[in-house]
Amino acid sequence: MTSQQQRFEASIARECAIEPQDWMPDDYRKTLVRQIGQHAHSEVVGMLPEGNWLTRAPTLNRKAILLAKVQDEAGHGLYLYSAAETLGCAREDLYQKMLEGRMKYSSIFNYPTLSWADIPVIGWLVDGAAIVNQVALCRTSYGPYARAMVKICKEESFHQRQGYEACMALAQGSEEQRQMLQDAINRFWWPSLMMFGPNDDNSPNSAKSLAWKIKRHTNDELRQRFVDNTIPQVEMLGMTVPDPALAWDEASGHYRFGEIDWSELNEVIHGRGQCNHERIDAKQKAWERGAWVREAALAYAEKQQRQREHAA
């Protein structure tokens, strides 16, 4: 082991943040680029299923709340692309990899939003699952990523509370509204559990990420924490989850839950989900139609630079 590697490993052991100017192994850098890039892509693709309901939310207040949330997600993508750039990669290159299918985003966003109830359920379940994962990332070993996550987690927590409040309104509404809520929970429950990734014995990247303290908990630990947090909330709503195996285990102090259908996740990951092509197509069209904005911004920046040089 070289002296540089020894200093790096010592910094990890002492819980010292690794900063962009510090030496780091190539695999550590590549792991971070992959994880932060996928996280950033998930934020910007995640705007699509919610944006689909901006004009159809049931009240002006719900429209305003949803618009604010979608804007927050765009900001989260910006923070994360900026963090990835500190590792020496251009955000345009990362984005192109996503458009070309060479980088993934969260599988949850390849499911359609069929009713208004899907939107609060996404805020409650999907953002709730994200928070469980992301709170631990506030202590990830790479400094820029950890600092970005502090702000993101504050906003995601607010989104989760907003989602649950809207779910509560549906749960206290008409029988039709209650049924609509239950249907949304039925469709998003298992995909939310899949958000944490494969089981620990089938997760090829977890060992390195845990050793380098990029991740602080395993996929299964985080999934269990989410289930334990969420089931009491489901009961408060008077709803159920589509899992006949769900039961409280007094001995372990945790909920037991059924086996996940990993074949479904594999289909979605390999581009055969319900909305994979729709999501990428929307982002490709937005990239092409937004070319003039990028060109204008670049021309303006160059003009400003020339003016500063002339003044100097």
Protein backbone atom coordinates (compact mmCIF):
# COMPACT_ATOMS: atom_id res chain seq x y z
CA MET A 1 0.00 0.00 0.00
CA THR A 2 1.42 3.41 -0.98
CA SER A 3 1.73 6.31 1.44
CA GLN A 4 -1.16 8.04 -0.35
CA GLN A 5 -3.38 5.02 0.12
CA GLN A 6 -2.39 4.80 3.78
CA ARG A 7 -3.33 8.44 4.37
CA PHE A 8 -6.63 7.91 2.57
CA GLU A 9 -7.52 4.82 4.59
CA ALA A 10 -6.49 6.61 7.81
CA SER A 11 -8.78 9.54 6.96
CA ILE A 12 -11.68 7.16 6.36
CA ALA A 13 -11.00 5.40 9.68
CA ARG A 14 -10.88 8.71 11.57
CA GLU A 15 -14.19 9.83 10.01
CA CYS A 16 -12.44 12.74 8.26
CA ALA A 17 -14.23 13.99 5.15
CA ILE A 18 -12.50 13.36 1.84
CA GLU A 19 -12.39 16.61 -0.13
CA PRO A 20 -11.95 17.18 -3.90
CA GLN A 21 -8.29 18.20 -3.55
CA ASP A 22 -7.42 15.06 -1.54
CA TRP A 23 -5.89 11.99 -3.14
CA MET A 24 -8.40 9.16 -3.55
CA PRO A 25 -8.33 5.72 -5.22
CA ASP A 26 -9.72 5.56 -8.75
CA ASP A 27 -12.36 3.05 -7.66
CA TYR A 28 -13.53 5.40 -4.88
CA ARG A 29 -13.89 8.22 -7.41
CA LYS A 30 -15.71 5.97 -9.91
CA THR A 31 -18.07 4.66 -7.21
CA LEU A 32 -18.95 8.19 -6.18
CA VAL A 33 -19.50 9.37 -9.76
CA ARG A 34 -21.83 6.42 -10.36
CA GLN A 35 -23.78 6.91 -7.13
CA ILE A 36 -24.01 10.72 -7.19
CA GLY A 37 -24.79 10.70 -10.90
CA GLN A 38 -27.62 8.19 -10.49
CA HIS A 39 -28.92 10.19 -7.54
CA ALA A 40 -28.91 13.42 -9.58
CA HIS A 41 -30.64 11.71 -12.53
CA SER A 42 -33.30 10.38 -10.17
CA GLU A 43 -34.09 13.88 -8.95
CA VAL A 44 -34.60 15.33 -12.43
CA VAL A 45 -36.45 12.32 -13.85
CA GLY A 46 -38.56 12.25 -10.68
CA MET A 47 -40.01 15.62 -11.69
CA LEU A 48 -41.86 13.98 -14.61
CA PRO A 49 -44.52 11.82 -12.92
CA GLU A 50 -45.40 14.68 -10.54
CA GLY A 51 -45.20 17.37 -13.21
CA ASN A 52 -47.86 15.40 -15.08
CA TRP A 53 -50.34 16.47 -12.37
CA LEU A 54 -49.43 20.16 -12.02
CA THR A 55 -52.47 21.33 -14.01
CA ARG A 56 -54.78 18.63 -12.64
CA ALA A 57 -54.24 18.89 -8.87
CA PRO A 58 -57.67 19.25 -7.22
CA THR A 59 -57.24 22.72 -5.66
CA LEU A 60 -55.15 25.84 -6.15
CA ASN A 61 -53.38 25.11 -2.87
CA ARG A 62 -52.47 21.58 -3.99
CA LYS A 63 -51.19 22.96 -7.31
CA ALA A 64 -48.96 25.47 -5.51
CA ILE A 65 -47.59 22.80 -3.16
CA LEU A 66 -46.86 20.42 -6.02
CA LEU A 67 -45.19 23.15 -8.09
CA ALA A 68 -42.94 24.04 -5.16
CA LYS A 69 -42.01 20.39 -4.71
CA VAL A 70 -41.13 19.92 -8.39
CA GLN A 71 -38.94 23.04 -8.21
CA ASP A 72 -37.21 21.60 -5.13
CA GLU A 73 -36.41 18.40 -7.04
CA ALA A 74 -34.76 20.45 -9.80
CA GLY A 75 -32.64 22.14 -7.14
CA HIS A 76 -31.64 18.78 -5.68
CA GLY A 77 -30.45 17.68 -9.10
CA LEU A 78 -28.37 20.85 -9.36
CA TYR A 79 -26.72 20.29 -5.96
CA LEU A 80 -25.87 16.71 -6.88
CA TYR A 81 -24.54 17.43 -10.37
CA SER A 82 -22.38 20.13 -8.78
CA ALA A 83 -21.08 17.62 -6.22
CA ALA A 84 -20.31 15.15 -9.02
CA GLU A 85 -18.37 17.82 -10.93
CA THR A 86 -15.94 18.16 -8.02
CA LEU A 87 -14.81 14.63 -8.93
CA GLY A 88 -13.62 15.83 -12.32
CA CYS A 89 -16.59 14.93 -14.53
CA ALA A 90 -18.74 17.37 -16.49
CA ARG A 91 -22.45 17.41 -15.70
CA GLU A 92 -23.22 17.49 -19.44
CA ASP A 93 -21.36 14.20 -19.85
CA LEU A 94 -23.26 12.66 -16.94
CA TYR A 95 -26.56 13.86 -18.35
CA GLN A 96 -25.77 12.49 -21.81
CA LYS A 97 -25.02 9.09 -20.29
CA MET A 98 -28.47 9.12 -18.71
CA LEU A 99 -30.12 10.12 -22.00
CA GLU A 100 -28.27 7.34 -23.81
CA GLY A 101 -29.17 4.73 -21.17
CA ARG A 102 -25.58 4.33 -19.95
CA MET A 103 -26.41 5.60 -16.44
CA LYS A 104 -29.43 4.61 -14.39
CA TYR A 105 -31.90 6.51 -12.25
CA SER A 106 -34.22 5.20 -9.55
CA SER A 107 -36.54 2.49 -10.83
CA ILE A 108 -39.50 3.99 -8.95
CA PHE A 109 -39.91 6.75 -11.55
CA ASN A 110 -40.70 4.27 -14.30
CA TYR A 111 -44.17 3.69 -12.84
CA PRO A 112 -47.12 5.79 -14.05
CA THR A 113 -49.17 8.16 -11.90
CA LEU A 114 -52.71 7.00 -12.69
CA SER A 115 -54.71 9.07 -10.20
CA TRP A 116 -54.32 12.13 -7.98
CA ALA A 117 -53.78 9.79 -5.00
CA ASP A 118 -50.50 8.64 -6.57
CA ILE A 119 -49.00 12.09 -5.99
CA PRO A 120 -49.40 12.22 -2.18
CA VAL A 121 -48.47 8.54 -1.97
CA ILE A 122 -45.23 9.29 -3.85
CA GLY A 123 -44.56 12.15 -1.45
CA TRP A 124 -45.21 9.92 1.55
CA LEU A 125 -43.80 6.52 0.51
CA VAL A 126 -41.22 7.33 -2.18
CA ASP A 127 -39.80 10.41 -0.46
CA GLY A 128 -40.07 8.56 2.85
CA ALA A 129 -37.91 5.75 1.46
CA ALA A 130 -35.50 8.32 0.02
CA ILE A 131 -35.16 10.03 3.41
CA VAL A 132 -34.26 6.75 5.15
CA ASN A 133 -31.47 6.28 2.63
CA GLN A 134 -30.38 9.90 2.42
CA VAL A 135 -30.16 10.75 6.11
CA ALA A 136 -27.30 8.28 6.34
CA LEU A 137 -25.67 9.99 3.35
CA CYS A 138 -25.35 13.20 5.40
CA ARG A 139 -22.42 11.32 7.01
CA THR A 140 -21.00 9.90 3.80
CA SER A 141 -17.22 10.09 3.57
CA TYR A 142 -17.08 12.46 0.57
CA GLY A 143 -17.47 16.02 1.83
CA PRO A 144 -19.31 17.72 -1.10
CA TYR A 145 -21.84 14.88 -1.28
CA ALA A 146 -22.48 14.95 2.48
CA ARG A 147 -22.97 18.72 2.51
CA ALA A 148 -25.39 18.59 -0.42
CA MET A 149 -27.40 15.91 1.38
CA VAL A 150 -27.92 18.05 4.49
CA LYS A 151 -30.01 20.57 2.54
CA ILE A 152 -31.69 17.92 0.40
CA CYS A 153 -32.79 15.92 3.44
CA LYS A 154 -34.41 18.96 5.04
CA GLU A 155 -36.50 19.54 1.93
CA GLU A 156 -37.28 15.85 1.36
CA SER A 157 -38.51 15.58 4.94
CA PHE A 158 -40.90 18.45 4.27
CA HIS A 159 -42.07 16.72 1.07
CA GLN A 160 -42.77 13.54 3.01
CA ARG A 161 -44.88 15.40 5.56
CA GLN A 162 -46.77 17.18 2.77
CA GLY A 163 -47.48 13.84 1.11
CA TYR A 164 -48.74 12.26 4.32
CA GLU A 165 -50.98 15.26 5.05
CA ALA A 166 -52.59 14.89 1.62
CA CYS A 167 -52.98 11.14 2.18
CA MET A 168 -54.71 11.87 5.48
CA ALA A 169 -57.14 14.20 3.68
CA LEU A 170 -58.02 11.39 1.25
CA ALA A 171 -58.30 8.85 4.08
CA GLN A 172 -60.83 11.11 5.82
CA GLY A 173 -62.78 11.75 2.62
CA SER A 174 -65.42 9.82 0.70
CA GLU A 175 -65.38 6.08 0.12
CA GLU A 176 -64.25 6.76 -3.45
CA GLN A 177 -61.31 8.84 -2.19
CA ARG A 178 -60.35 6.15 0.34
CA GLN A 179 -60.43 3.51 -2.37
CA MET A 180 -58.30 5.69 -4.64
CA LEU A 181 -55.74 6.05 -1.83
CA GLN A 182 -55.70 2.32 -1.14
CA ASP A 183 -55.18 1.58 -4.82
CA ALA A 184 -52.19 3.96 -4.96
CA ILE A 185 -50.65 2.33 -1.87
CA ASN A 186 -51.14 -1.10 -3.42
CA ARG A 187 -49.27 -0.07 -6.57
CA PHE A 188 -46.40 1.83 -4.94
CA TRP A 189 -45.69 -0.30 -1.86
CA TRP A 190 -43.46 -2.93 -3.43
CA PRO A 191 -41.66 -0.52 -5.82
CA SER A 192 -40.88 1.64 -2.76
CA LEU A 193 -39.23 -1.34 -1.05
CA MET A 194 -37.24 -2.02 -4.23
CA MET A 195 -35.80 1.51 -4.07
CA PHE A 196 -33.23 0.32 -1.53
CA GLY A 197 -31.65 -2.00 -4.08
CA PRO A 198 -31.19 -5.77 -4.13
CA ASN A 199 -30.82 -7.90 -1.01
CA ASP A 200 -27.41 -7.68 0.64
CA ASP A 201 -26.29 -11.08 -0.66
CA ASN A 202 -26.93 -9.88 -4.22
CA SER A 203 -25.58 -6.32 -4.05
CA PRO A 204 -22.21 -6.18 -5.85
CA ASN A 205 -21.33 -2.59 -4.96
CA SER A 206 -22.27 -2.52 -1.27
CA ALA A 207 -19.10 -4.00 0.21
CA LYS A 208 -16.81 -1.31 -1.23
CA SER A 209 -19.23 1.49 -0.43
CA LEU A 210 -19.50 0.33 3.19
CA ALA A 211 -15.74 -0.09 3.56
CA TRP A 212 -15.15 3.45 2.28
CA LYS A 213 -18.07 4.77 4.37
CA ILE A 214 -19.83 6.10 1.29
CA LYS A 215 -22.76 4.05 2.57
CA ARG A 216 -23.34 3.65 6.30
CA HIS A 217 -25.94 0.87 6.25
CA THR A 218 -26.75 -2.10 4.07
CA ASN A 219 -29.71 -2.22 1.69
CA ASP A 220 -31.60 -4.65 3.91
CA GLU A 221 -30.99 -2.59 7.06
CA LEU A 222 -32.40 0.52 5.39
CA ARG A 223 -35.35 -1.38 3.94
CA GLN A 224 -36.22 -2.77 7.37
CA ARG A 225 -36.01 0.71 8.89
CA PHE A 226 -38.40 2.03 6.26
CA VAL A 227 -40.95 -0.73 6.89
CA ASP A 228 -40.75 -0.20 10.66
CA ASN A 229 -41.25 3.56 10.22
CA THR A 230 -44.08 3.30 7.70
CA ILE A 231 -46.46 0.57 8.88
CA PRO A 232 -47.69 2.58 11.90
CA GLN A 233 -48.41 5.46 9.51
CA VAL A 234 -50.39 3.10 7.25
CA GLU A 235 -52.44 2.02 10.25
CA MET A 236 -53.09 5.64 11.22
CA LEU A 237 -54.58 6.19 7.77
CA GLY A 238 -56.79 3.14 8.18
CA MET A 239 -55.18 1.58 5.10
CA THR A 240 -53.30 -1.67 4.46
CA VAL A 241 -50.27 -2.76 2.43
CA PRO A 242 -50.50 -5.56 -0.17
CA ASP A 243 -48.42 -8.03 1.83
CA PRO A 244 -50.20 -10.95 3.53
CA ALA A 245 -46.91 -11.97 5.17
CA LEU A 246 -46.57 -8.68 7.06
CA ALA A 247 -46.51 -9.26 10.83
CA TRP A 248 -44.98 -7.72 13.94
CA ASP A 249 -42.16 -9.84 15.39
CA GLU A 250 -42.09 -9.26 19.14
CA ALA A 251 -38.77 -11.06 19.55
CA SER A 252 -36.83 -8.92 17.06
CA GLY A 253 -38.80 -5.70 17.55
CA HIS A 254 -39.29 -5.41 13.78
CA TYR A 255 -41.98 -6.08 11.20
CA ARG A 256 -41.54 -9.20 9.11
CA PHE A 257 -42.53 -8.77 5.48
CA GLY A 258 -42.84 -10.94 2.39
CA GLU A 259 -40.36 -11.68 -0.36
CA ILE A 260 -39.88 -9.00 -2.99
CA ASP A 261 -40.44 -9.96 -6.62
CA TRP A 262 -36.97 -9.08 -7.89
CA SER A 263 -37.88 -10.13 -11.44
CA GLU A 264 -40.04 -7.00 -11.65
CA LEU A 265 -37.14 -4.77 -10.57
CA ASN A 266 -34.84 -6.42 -13.10
CA GLU A 267 -37.33 -5.75 -15.87
CA VAL A 268 -37.54 -2.07 -14.94
CA ILE A 269 -33.76 -1.70 -14.58
CA HIS A 270 -33.23 -3.23 -18.02
CA GLY A 271 -35.53 -0.72 -19.66
CA ARG A 272 -38.71 -2.76 -19.76
CA GLY A 273 -40.72 -0.92 -17.12
CA GLN A 274 -44.07 0.70 -17.76
CA CYS A 275 -42.64 4.18 -18.41
CA ASN A 276 -38.93 3.72 -19.17
CA HIS A 277 -39.16 4.86 -22.80
CA GLU A 278 -41.60 7.64 -21.96
CA ARG A 279 -39.29 9.12 -19.30
CA ILE A 280 -36.15 9.08 -21.45
CA ASP A 281 -38.05 10.38 -24.47
CA ALA A 282 -39.34 13.33 -22.43
CA LYS A 283 -35.84 14.18 -21.21
CA GLN A 284 -34.32 13.84 -24.71
CA LYS A 285 -36.94 16.20 -26.16
CA ALA A 286 -36.39 18.69 -23.33
CA TRP A 287 -32.62 18.59 -23.96
CA GLU A 288 -33.07 19.24 -27.66
CA ARG A 289 -35.67 21.99 -27.22
CA GLY A 290 -33.57 23.68 -24.56
CA ALA A 291 -30.46 23.94 -26.74
CA TRP A 292 -31.12 27.62 -27.52
CA VAL A 293 -31.23 28.44 -23.79
CA ARG A 294 -27.85 26.82 -23.20
CA GLU A 295 -26.37 28.57 -26.25
CA ALA A 296 -27.75 31.95 -25.14
CA ALA A 297 -26.44 31.49 -21.60
CA LEU A 298 -22.99 30.56 -22.92
CA ALA A 299 -22.93 33.56 -25.28
CA TYR A 300 -23.93 35.88 -22.45
CA ALA A 301 -21.22 34.45 -20.17
CA GLU A 302 -18.61 34.95 -22.87
CA LYS A 303 -19.81 38.54 -23.42
CA GLN A 304 -19.53 39.26 -19.70
CA GLN A 305 -16.05 37.79 -19.62
CA ARG A 306 -14.92 40.00 -22.53
CA GLN A 307 -16.35 43.09 -20.79
CA ARG A 308 -14.46 42.25 -17.57
CA GLU A 309 -11.24 41.75 -19.50
CA HIS A 310 -11.73 45.04 -21.34
CA ALA A 311 -12.41 46.90 -18.07
CA ALA A 312 -9.29 45.41 -16.52
